[in-house]
Amino acid sequence: MSANKRFLLVRRPNGLPVKEDFSLVNGEIPVPGDGQIVVRNHYASLDPAIRGRMDDKPSYAEPIALGAVVGTSTVGVVVASRHGNFAEGQWVRCIGGIEDYSLVTPNMFTFAIDPDEVSSVTHYLSVLGPVGLTAYFGLLNVGKPKSGETVLVSGAAGAVGSLVGQIAKIQGCRTVGIAGGAKKCQRLLDDYGYDAAIDYRNKDIAAIKAAIDAAAPQGVDVVFENIGGDILDAALLSINQGARIALCGLISEYNKVDGDRGCRNLWQLIVKCASIQGFLVRQYIDQFPQGAAVMAEWIRAGKLRVDEHIDEGIDNALPAFLRLFEGSNEGKMILKIA
């Protein structure tokens, strides 16, 4: 049998990850024990949250151990099984790793999938996977938008943000997106139907606030936050009474070497009697089938555009991952393995 190429974390990154933090090795294909399966990974999801797990800090998920494969959501085919619910040849979405073959002990995050039900099996890592469901449940269950309200989304051209804006439009809201660069801002308007787009580059808090106020003269009712830093501080200065802030991510903080800067304008939550709530998509795992069914119906009805950026090969895992922090990806970042 062929070797199992694996992308391992061998050093904790100090700031932006570099190639010396990782190692590519060839190992043996694993053999399942009782209650386990071996999955031949075809695609792996690359997400900003992986960066947080590279640090040895308390979080909602265990840090990646040094010498261990970089773990993430994957889709692939079961090639060996000693689990009654999964058969060889079956497609699954699971928590695997950036490697050819993953040994998986099925849990609540392991789902059988049908590639014939979607235009691309990669949709199970994007719109019908954790990314799409983060947008769906984060906006609807945390942001709770009402028709006629204004929804502000940071990181609006990203995998989550692009879907949040479209879902908000389906709910009858006015949408304002924040992204980096003129090209991405044009995509917000042309591809994702945002009513207004703001380029945050070369803008301080005051300038970002001025741009938000111009795009949302009636104020902001819902903030879907992916970036943090100055962008969140500016958004807080433009919220309405009773606004809701859904805290999904803080990507601007993930690679800082001098500690988190923190948010300076939280006092606005008091002034505006507003709320801020962090969330994890796994809170809604029992509702995944219902949420995915709604998203699938919106796709069939032509209400959702899905963009995916697929790079190929485990050898390209690091440059593909770094696209997330450079902003050079155009859609959900996915690594093709098989």
Foldseek 3Di string as FASTA:
>chain_A
DFWKWFKFQAAQDQFADDPVRIDIDTHHADDADAQKWKWQFFKFFQDLVLLVLSDCDDDPDHRRDHVHGSKGWTWGFTCDDNRPVHDGGWIWIATAGLMRMGIDNDDLRIDTDDCVLDPGPCCCVACLHQLVLCLVCLCCVFQVDAAAAEEEEEVLQERNNLNNLLVCVVRNYAYEYEDADPVSQVCCVPPRPHPYYHHCPPHALVRLLVVVCVSCVVFHQEYEDAADDSNVLSNLVGHAAAHTYEDEYHSPQSRDNVHDPDHDRPCSCVVRVYYYDYDGSVVCSVCSVVSSVVSSVCVVVVSDDADEFEAEASVCVSVLSCCVVVVVGRGRRMYGHD
